[in-house]
PDB file of all heavy atoms in Angstrom:
ATOM      1  N   PRO A   1      -0.167 -17.632  -2.971  1.00  0.00           N
ATOM      2  CA  PRO A   1       0.663 -16.423  -2.949  1.00  0.00           C
ATOM      3  C   PRO A   1       1.005 -15.951  -1.540  1.00  0.00           C
ATOM      4  O   PRO A   1       0.357 -16.311  -0.555  1.00  0.00           O
ATOM      5  CB  PRO A   1      -0.240 -15.394  -3.638  1.00  0.00           C
ATOM      6  CG  PRO A   1      -1.626 -15.833  -3.280  1.00  0.00           C
ATOM      7  CD  PRO A   1      -1.577 -17.343  -3.287  1.00  0.00           C
ATOM      8  N   VAL A   2       2.035 -15.120  -1.476  1.00  0.00           N
ATOM      9  CA  VAL A   2       2.299 -14.298  -0.301  1.00  0.00           C
ATOM     10  C   VAL A   2       1.629 -12.955  -0.570  1.00  0.00           C
ATOM     11  O   VAL A   2       1.867 -12.330  -1.614  1.00  0.00           O
ATOM     12  CB  VAL A   2       3.804 -14.127  -0.057  1.00  0.00           C
ATOM     13  CG1 VAL A   2       4.048 -13.171   1.112  1.00  0.00           C
ATOM     14  CG2 VAL A   2       4.446 -15.477   0.215  1.00  0.00           C
ATOM     15  N   VAL A   3       0.794 -12.525   0.351  1.00  0.00           N
ATOM     16  CA  VAL A   3      -0.091 -11.378   0.116  1.00  0.00           C
ATOM     17  C   VAL A   3       0.252 -10.243   1.068  1.00  0.00           C
ATOM     18  O   VAL A   3       0.592 -10.464   2.238  1.00  0.00           O
ATOM     19  CB  VAL A   3      -1.570 -11.797   0.304  1.00  0.00           C
ATOM     20  CG1 VAL A   3      -2.506 -10.588   0.245  1.00  0.00           C
ATOM     21  CG2 VAL A   3      -1.963 -12.820  -0.763  1.00  0.00           C
ATOM     22  N   THR A   4       0.158  -9.030   0.563  1.00  0.00           N
ATOM     23  CA  THR A   4       0.223  -7.842   1.399  1.00  0.00           C
ATOM     24  C   THR A   4      -0.806  -6.857   0.891  1.00  0.00           C
ATOM     25  O   THR A   4      -1.450  -7.070  -0.130  1.00  0.00           O
ATOM     26  CB  THR A   4       1.632  -7.226   1.404  1.00  0.00           C
ATOM     27  OG1 THR A   4       1.704  -6.229   2.427  1.00  0.00           O
ATOM     28  CG2 THR A   4       1.981  -6.604   0.056  1.00  0.00           C
ATOM     29  N   GLY A   5      -0.989  -5.770   1.607  1.00  0.00           N
ATOM     30  CA  GLY A   5      -1.966  -4.763   1.207  1.00  0.00           C
ATOM     31  C   GLY A   5      -2.719  -4.234   2.403  1.00  0.00           C
ATOM     32  O   GLY A   5      -2.443  -4.581   3.556  1.00  0.00           O
ATOM     33  N   SER A   6      -3.686  -3.387   2.120  1.00  0.00           N
ATOM     34  CA  SER A   6      -4.489  -2.768   3.172  1.00  0.00           C
ATOM     35  C   SER A   6      -5.717  -2.174   2.487  1.00  0.00           C
ATOM     36  O   SER A   6      -6.325  -2.833   1.661  1.00  0.00           O
ATOM     37  CB  SER A   6      -3.659  -1.713   3.927  1.00  0.00           C
ATOM     38  OG  SER A   6      -4.305  -1.288   5.102  1.00  0.00           O
ATOM     39  N   HIS A   7      -6.068  -0.940   2.794  1.00  0.00           N
ATOM     40  CA  HIS A   7      -7.286  -0.358   2.226  1.00  0.00           C
ATOM     41  C   HIS A   7      -6.986   1.003   1.613  1.00  0.00           C
ATOM     42  O   HIS A   7      -5.984   1.654   1.956  1.00  0.00           O
ATOM     43  CB  HIS A   7      -8.378  -0.232   3.286  1.00  0.00           C
ATOM     44  CG  HIS A   7      -8.008   0.642   4.451  1.00  0.00           C
ATOM     45  ND1 HIS A   7      -8.367   1.962   4.550  1.00  0.00           N
ATOM     46  CD2 HIS A   7      -7.304   0.379   5.585  1.00  0.00           C
ATOM     47  CE1 HIS A   7      -7.905   2.474   5.681  1.00  0.00           C
ATOM     48  NE2 HIS A   7      -7.251   1.532   6.328  1.00  0.00           N
ATOM     49  N   ALA A   8      -7.885   1.442   0.725  1.00  0.00           N
ATOM     50  CA  ALA A   8      -7.725   2.725   0.051  1.00  0.00           C
ATOM     51  C   ALA A   8      -8.801   3.725   0.460  1.00  0.00           C
ATOM     52  O   ALA A   8      -8.704   4.902   0.104  1.00  0.00           O
ATOM     53  CB  ALA A   8      -7.745   2.540  -1.473  1.00  0.00           C
ATOM     54  N   ASP A   9      -9.843   3.267   1.164  1.00  0.00           N
ATOM     55  CA  ASP A   9     -10.877   4.195   1.625  1.00  0.00           C
ATOM     56  C   ASP A   9     -10.394   4.914   2.878  1.00  0.00           C
ATOM     57  O   ASP A   9      -9.463   4.462   3.552  1.00  0.00           O
ATOM     58  CB  ASP A   9     -12.197   3.478   1.875  1.00  0.00           C
ATOM     59  CG  ASP A   9     -12.122   2.430   2.993  1.00  0.00           C
ATOM     60  OD1 ASP A   9     -11.160   1.642   2.980  1.00  0.00           O
ATOM     61  OD2 ASP A   9     -13.013   2.406   3.857  1.00  0.00           O
ATOM     62  N   SER A  10     -11.043   6.026   3.194  1.00  0.00           N
ATOM     63  CA  SER A  10     -10.614   6.848   4.326  1.00  0.00           C
ATOM     64  C   SER A  10     -11.811   7.242   5.175  1.00  0.00           C
ATOM     65  O   SER A  10     -12.967   7.000   4.834  1.00  0.00           O
ATOM     66  CB  SER A  10      -9.914   8.125   3.819  1.00  0.00           C
ATOM     67  OG  SER A  10     -10.876   9.088   3.393  1.00  0.00           O
ATOM     68  N   GLN A  11     -11.507   7.877   6.280  1.00  0.00           N
ATOM     69  CA  GLN A  11     -12.517   8.554   7.081  1.00  0.00           C
ATOM     70  C   GLN A  11     -12.918   9.866   6.389  1.00  0.00           C
ATOM     71  O   GLN A  11     -12.217  10.340   5.479  1.00  0.00           O
ATOM     72  CB  GLN A  11     -11.952   8.853   8.475  1.00  0.00           C
ATOM     73  CG  GLN A  11     -11.707   7.633   9.331  1.00  0.00           C
ATOM     74  CD  GLN A  11     -13.002   7.015   9.824  1.00  0.00           C
ATOM     75  OE1 GLN A  11     -14.005   7.694  10.048  1.00  0.00           O
ATOM     76  NE2 GLN A  11     -12.992   5.697   9.986  1.00  0.00           N
ATOM     77  N   PRO A  12     -14.032  10.494   6.807  1.00  0.00           N
ATOM     78  CA  PRO A  12     -14.415  11.774   6.181  1.00  0.00           C
ATOM     79  C   PRO A  12     -13.327  12.835   6.315  1.00  0.00           C
ATOM     80  O   PRO A  12     -13.148  13.655   5.409  1.00  0.00           O
ATOM     81  CB  PRO A  12     -15.679  12.173   6.945  1.00  0.00           C
ATOM     82  CG  PRO A  12     -16.245  10.894   7.458  1.00  0.00           C
ATOM     83  CD  PRO A  12     -15.055  10.024   7.759  1.00  0.00           C
ATOM     84  N   THR A  13     -12.644  12.849   7.445  1.00  0.00           N
ATOM     85  CA  THR A  13     -11.492  13.740   7.626  1.00  0.00           C
ATOM     86  C   THR A  13     -10.287  12.861   7.938  1.00  0.00           C
ATOM     87  O   THR A  13      -9.751  12.882   9.042  1.00  0.00           O
ATOM     88  CB  THR A  13     -11.741  14.763   8.759  1.00  0.00           C
ATOM     89  OG1 THR A  13     -12.147  14.048   9.944  1.00  0.00           O
ATOM     90  CG2 THR A  13     -12.817  15.755   8.376  1.00  0.00           C
ATOM     91  N   GLY A  14      -9.873  12.099   6.945  1.00  0.00           N
ATOM     92  CA  GLY A  14      -8.819  11.112   7.129  1.00  0.00           C
ATOM     93  C   GLY A  14      -7.448  11.633   6.766  1.00  0.00           C
ATOM     94  O   GLY A  14      -7.283  12.741   6.243  1.00  0.00           O
ATOM     95  N   GLY A  15      -6.451  10.794   7.064  1.00  0.00           N
ATOM     96  CA  GLY A  15      -5.068  11.131   6.747  1.00  0.00           C
ATOM     97  C   GLY A  15      -4.605  10.453   5.471  1.00  0.00           C
ATOM     98  O   GLY A  15      -5.257   9.539   4.956  1.00  0.00           O
ATOM     99  N   LYS A  16      -3.449  10.875   4.975  1.00  0.00           N
ATOM    100  CA  LYS A  16      -2.969  10.377   3.690  1.00  0.00           C
ATOM    101  C   LYS A  16      -2.079   9.148   3.792  1.00  0.00           C
ATOM    102  O   LYS A  16      -1.522   8.701   2.782  1.00  0.00           O
ATOM    103  CB  LYS A  16      -2.245  11.486   2.934  1.00  0.00           C
ATOM    104  CG  LYS A  16      -1.093  12.158   3.664  1.00  0.00           C
ATOM    105  CD  LYS A  16      -0.492  13.255   2.793  1.00  0.00           C
ATOM    106  CE  LYS A  16       0.547  14.076   3.543  1.00  0.00           C
ATOM    107  NZ  LYS A  16      -0.072  15.045   4.463  1.00  0.00           N
ATOM    108  N   PHE A  17      -1.969   8.552   5.003  1.00  0.00           N
ATOM    109  CA  PHE A  17      -1.161   7.342   5.171  1.00  0.00           C
ATOM    110  C   PHE A  17      -1.987   6.135   5.618  1.00  0.00           C
ATOM    111  O   PHE A  17      -1.640   4.995   5.298  1.00  0.00           O
ATOM    112  CB  PHE A  17      -0.035   7.593   6.187  1.00  0.00           C
ATOM    113  CG  PHE A  17       0.932   8.661   5.765  1.00  0.00           C
ATOM    114  CD1 PHE A  17       0.810   9.958   6.233  1.00  0.00           C
ATOM    115  CD2 PHE A  17       1.955   8.372   4.877  1.00  0.00           C
ATOM    116  CE1 PHE A  17       1.693  10.951   5.841  1.00  0.00           C
ATOM    117  CE2 PHE A  17       2.844   9.358   4.467  1.00  0.00           C
ATOM    118  CZ  PHE A  17       2.711  10.653   4.954  1.00  0.00           C
ATOM    119  N   ASP A  18      -3.034   6.365   6.373  1.00  0.00           N
ATOM    120  CA  ASP A  18      -3.866   5.290   6.916  1.00  0.00           C
ATOM    121  C   ASP A  18      -4.361   4.385   5.794  1.00  0.00           C
ATOM    122  O   ASP A  18      -5.099   4.820   4.919  1.00  0.00           O
ATOM    123  CB  ASP A  18      -5.047   5.914   7.672  1.00  0.00           C
ATOM    124  CG  ASP A  18      -6.002   4.888   8.261  1.00  0.00           C
ATOM    125  OD1 ASP A  18      -5.717   3.680   8.202  1.00  0.00           O
ATOM    126  OD2 ASP A  18      -7.051   5.316   8.783  1.00  0.00           O
ATOM    127  N   GLY A  19      -3.953   3.125   5.822  1.00  0.00           N
ATOM    128  CA  GLY A  19      -4.412   2.157   4.833  1.00  0.00           C
ATOM    129  C   GLY A  19      -3.612   2.188   3.552  1.00  0.00           C
ATOM    130  O   GLY A  19      -2.947   1.213   3.186  1.00  0.00           O
ATOM    131  N   ILE A  20      -3.641   3.316   2.871  1.00  0.00           N
ATOM    132  CA  ILE A  20      -3.017   3.383   1.544  1.00  0.00           C
ATOM    133  C   ILE A  20      -1.501   3.159   1.619  1.00  0.00           C
ATOM    134  O   ILE A  20      -0.893   2.674   0.647  1.00  0.00           O
ATOM    135  CB  ILE A  20      -3.352   4.729   0.861  1.00  0.00           C
ATOM    136  CG1 ILE A  20      -3.090   4.658  -0.645  1.00  0.00           C
ATOM    137  CG2 ILE A  20      -2.631   5.878   1.532  1.00  0.00           C
ATOM    138  CD1 ILE A  20      -3.958   3.660  -1.384  1.00  0.00           C
ATOM    139  N   TYR A  21      -0.882   3.467   2.763  1.00  0.00           N
ATOM    140  CA  TYR A  21       0.543   3.172   2.925  1.00  0.00           C
ATOM    141  C   TYR A  21       0.808   1.681   2.771  1.00  0.00           C
ATOM    142  O   TYR A  21       1.782   1.282   2.126  1.00  0.00           O
ATOM    143  CB  TYR A  21       1.013   3.678   4.290  1.00  0.00           C
ATOM    144  CG  TYR A  21       2.401   3.243   4.715  1.00  0.00           C
ATOM    145  CD1 TYR A  21       3.486   3.298   3.840  1.00  0.00           C
ATOM    146  CD2 TYR A  21       2.622   2.791   6.017  1.00  0.00           C
ATOM    147  CE1 TYR A  21       4.753   2.906   4.254  1.00  0.00           C
ATOM    148  CE2 TYR A  21       3.887   2.407   6.433  1.00  0.00           C
ATOM    149  CZ  TYR A  21       4.949   2.458   5.543  1.00  0.00           C
ATOM    150  OH  TYR A  21       6.208   2.061   5.958  1.00  0.00           O
ATOM    151  N   GLY A  22      -0.058   0.853   3.313  1.00  0.00           N
ATOM    152  CA  GLY A  22       0.118  -0.590   3.175  1.00  0.00           C
ATOM    153  C   GLY A  22      -0.074  -1.079   1.758  1.00  0.00           C
ATOM    154  O   GLY A  22       0.579  -2.031   1.316  1.00  0.00           O
ATOM    155  N   VAL A  23      -0.973  -0.429   1.018  1.00  0.00           N
ATOM    156  CA  VAL A  23      -1.200  -0.796  -0.381  1.00  0.00           C
ATOM    157  C   VAL A  23      -0.006  -0.393  -1.240  1.00  0.00           C
ATOM    158  O   VAL A  23       0.557  -1.204  -1.997  1.00  0.00           O
ATOM    159  CB  VAL A  23      -2.486  -0.125  -0.916  1.00  0.00           C
ATOM    160  CG1 VAL A  23      -2.649  -0.380  -2.411  1.00  0.00           C
ATOM    161  CG2 VAL A  23      -3.707  -0.623  -0.149  1.00  0.00           C
ATOM    162  N   LEU A  24       0.401   0.860  -1.125  1.00  0.00           N
ATOM    163  CA  LEU A  24       1.496   1.353  -1.966  1.00  0.00           C
ATOM    164  C   LEU A  24       2.849   0.835  -1.495  1.00  0.00           C
ATOM    165  O   LEU A  24       3.783   0.708  -2.302  1.00  0.00           O
ATOM    166  CB  LEU A  24       1.470   2.880  -2.013  1.00  0.00           C
ATOM    167  CG  LEU A  24       0.194   3.469  -2.642  1.00  0.00           C
ATOM    168  CD1 LEU A  24       0.279   4.984  -2.716  1.00  0.00           C
ATOM    169  CD2 LEU A  24      -0.062   2.877  -4.028  1.00  0.00           C
ATOM    170  N   GLY A  25       2.969   0.509  -0.202  1.00  0.00           N
ATOM    171  CA  GLY A  25       4.176  -0.171   0.258  1.00  0.00           C
ATOM    172  C   GLY A  25       4.316  -1.536  -0.396  1.00  0.00           C
ATOM    173  O   GLY A  25       5.419  -1.959  -0.777  1.00  0.00           O
ATOM    174  N   GLY A  26       3.195  -2.246  -0.543  1.00  0.00           N
ATOM    175  CA  GLY A  26       3.219  -3.527  -1.246  1.00  0.00           C
ATOM    176  C   GLY A  26       3.571  -3.373  -2.709  1.00  0.00           C
ATOM    177  O   GLY A  26       4.340  -4.170  -3.266  1.00  0.00           O
ATOM    178  N   LEU A  27       3.018  -2.340  -3.347  1.00  0.00           N
ATOM    179  CA  LEU A  27       3.369  -2.079  -4.747  1.00  0.00           C
ATOM    180  C   LEU A  27       4.852  -1.765  -4.875  1.00  0.00           C
ATOM    181  O   LEU A  27       5.510  -2.209  -5.839  1.00  0.00           O
ATOM    182  CB  LEU A  27       2.526  -0.917  -5.274  1.00  0.00           C
ATOM    183  CG  LEU A  27       2.811  -0.486  -6.710  1.00  0.00           C
ATOM    184  CD1 LEU A  27       2.525  -1.610  -7.704  1.00  0.00           C
ATOM    185  CD2 LEU A  27       1.991   0.766  -7.064  1.00  0.00           C
ATOM    186  N   GLU A  28       5.404  -1.039  -3.912  1.00  0.00           N
ATOM    187  CA  GLU A  28       6.836  -0.724  -3.959  1.00  0.00           C
ATOM    188  C   GLU A  28       7.686  -1.983  -3.817  1.00  0.00           C
ATOM    189  O   GLU A  28       8.767  -2.082  -4.431  1.00  0.00           O
ATOM    190  CB  GLU A  28       7.188   0.294  -2.870  1.00  0.00           C
ATOM    191  CG  GLU A  28       8.667   0.672  -2.807  1.00  0.00           C
ATOM    192  CD  GLU A  28       9.209   1.206  -4.131  1.00  0.00           C
ATOM    193  OE1 GLU A  28       8.465   1.879  -4.869  1.00  0.00           O
ATOM    194  OE2 GLU A  28      10.401   0.937  -4.418  1.00  0.00           O
ATOM    195  N   VAL A  29       7.232  -2.958  -3.047  1.00  0.00           N
ATOM    196  CA  VAL A  29       7.933  -4.247  -2.986  1.00  0.00           C
ATOM    197  C   VAL A  29       8.024  -4.852  -4.379  1.00  0.00           C
ATOM    198  O   VAL A  29       9.097  -5.313  -4.821  1.00  0.00           O
ATOM    199  CB  VAL A  29       7.218  -5.207  -2.015  1.00  0.00           C
ATOM    200  CG1 VAL A  29       7.731  -6.639  -2.191  1.00  0.00           C
ATOM    201  CG2 VAL A  29       7.426  -4.752  -0.574  1.00  0.00           C
ATOM    202  N   ILE A  30       6.909  -4.868  -5.105  1.00  0.00           N
ATOM    203  CA  ILE A  30       6.905  -5.435  -6.459  1.00  0.00           C
ATOM    204  C   ILE A  30       7.810  -4.630  -7.390  1.00  0.00           C
ATOM    205  O   ILE A  30       8.588  -5.196  -8.179  1.00  0.00           O
ATOM    206  CB  ILE A  30       5.460  -5.497  -6.993  1.00  0.00           C
ATOM    207  CG1 ILE A  30       4.695  -6.607  -6.263  1.00  0.00           C
ATOM    208  CG2 ILE A  30       5.433  -5.709  -8.510  1.00  0.00           C
ATOM    209  CD1 ILE A  30       3.235  -6.716  -6.639  1.00  0.00           C
ATOM    210  N   ARG A  31       7.730  -3.317  -7.317  1.00  0.00           N
ATOM    211  CA  ARG A  31       8.597  -2.489  -8.166  1.00  0.00           C
ATOM    212  C   ARG A  31      10.073  -2.760  -7.888  1.00  0.00           C
ATOM    213  O   ARG A  31      10.894  -2.813  -8.808  1.00  0.00           O
ATOM    214  CB  ARG A  31       8.282  -1.010  -7.926  1.00  0.00           C
ATOM    215  CG  ARG A  31       6.948  -0.538  -8.511  1.00  0.00           C
ATOM    216  CD  ARG A  31       6.588   0.839  -7.987  1.00  0.00           C
ATOM    217  NE  ARG A  31       5.538   1.490  -8.761  1.00  0.00           N
ATOM    218  CZ  ARG A  31       4.933   2.630  -8.416  1.00  0.00           C
ATOM    219  NH1 ARG A  31       5.296   3.237  -7.277  1.00  0.00           N
ATOM    220  NH2 ARG A  31       3.994   3.158  -9.175  1.00  0.00           N
ATOM    221  N   THR A  32      10.401  -2.932  -6.606  1.00  0.00           N
ATOM    222  CA  THR A  32      11.798  -3.191  -6.238  1.00  0.00           C
ATOM    223  C   THR A  32      12.260  -4.546  -6.764  1.00  0.00           C
ATOM    224  O   THR A  32      13.389  -4.671  -7.288  1.00  0.00           O
ATOM    225  CB  THR A  32      11.957  -3.119  -4.712  1.00  0.00           C
ATOM    226  OG1 THR A  32      11.605  -1.804  -4.262  1.00  0.00           O
ATOM    227  CG2 THR A  32      13.383  -3.435  -4.291  1.00  0.00           C
ATOM    228  N   LEU A  33      11.422  -5.560  -6.643  1.00  0.00           N
ATOM    229  CA  LEU A  33      11.771  -6.872  -7.190  1.00  0.00           C
ATOM    230  C   LEU A  33      11.978  -6.785  -8.703  1.00  0.00           C
ATOM    231  O   LEU A  33      12.887  -7.415  -9.260  1.00  0.00           O
ATOM    232  CB  LEU A  33      10.688  -7.890  -6.856  1.00  0.00           C
ATOM    233  CG  LEU A  33      10.489  -8.198  -5.367  1.00  0.00           C
ATOM    234  CD1 LEU A  33       9.341  -9.181  -5.175  1.00  0.00           C
ATOM    235  CD2 LEU A  33      11.766  -8.743  -4.739  1.00  0.00           C
ATOM    236  N   ASN A  34      11.143  -5.992  -9.358  1.00  0.00           N
ATOM    237  CA  ASN A  34      11.315  -5.794 -10.798  1.00  0.00           C
ATOM    238  C   ASN A  34      12.632  -5.100 -11.112  1.00  0.00           C
ATOM    239  O   ASN A  34      13.359  -5.487 -12.045  1.00  0.00           O
ATOM    240  CB  ASN A  34      10.156  -4.960 -11.362  1.00  0.00           C
ATOM    241  CG  ASN A  34       8.839  -5.696 -11.378  1.00  0.00           C
ATOM    242  OD1 ASN A  34       8.792  -6.920 -11.207  1.00  0.00           O
ATOM    243  ND2 ASN A  34       7.752  -4.971 -11.578  1.00  0.00           N
ATOM    244  N   ASP A  35      12.949  -4.060 -10.339  1.00  0.00           N
ATOM    245  CA  ASP A  35      14.188  -3.311 -10.566  1.00  0.00           C
ATOM    246  C   ASP A  35      15.407  -4.234 -10.550  1.00  0.00           C
ATOM    247  O   ASP A  35      16.349  -4.062 -11.334  1.00  0.00           O
ATOM    248  CB  ASP A  35      14.375  -2.245  -9.482  1.00  0.00           C
ATOM    249  CG  ASP A  35      13.387  -1.098  -9.589  1.00  0.00           C
ATOM    250  OD1 ASP A  35      12.743  -0.963 -10.642  1.00  0.00           O
ATOM    251  OD2 ASP A  35      13.257  -0.351  -8.595  1.00  0.00           O
ATOM    252  N   HIS A  36      15.386  -5.214  -9.639  1.00  0.00           N
ATOM    253  CA  HIS A  36      16.532  -6.098  -9.445  1.00  0.00           C
ATOM    254  C   HIS A  36      16.346  -7.462 -10.105  1.00  0.00           C
ATOM    255  O   HIS A  36      17.170  -8.361  -9.903  1.00  0.00           O
ATOM    256  CB  HIS A  36      16.805  -6.253  -7.941  1.00  0.00           C
ATOM    257  CG  HIS A  36      17.216  -4.978  -7.280  1.00  0.00           C
ATOM    258  ND1 HIS A  36      18.528  -4.584  -7.158  1.00  0.00           N
ATOM    259  CD2 HIS A  36      16.475  -3.975  -6.719  1.00  0.00           C
ATOM    260  CE1 HIS A  36      18.582  -3.411  -6.545  1.00  0.00           C
ATOM    261  NE2 HIS A  36      17.359  -3.026  -6.268  1.00  0.00           N
TER     262      HIS A  36
END
């Protein structure tokens, strides 16, 4: 496969983009391919 992704865990006072953006960005790639 061609793989993408990142992590879903955070720091104790973490931000809402670190890691999870890479995971959900990859999911959005799949959703877009499905759309078309």
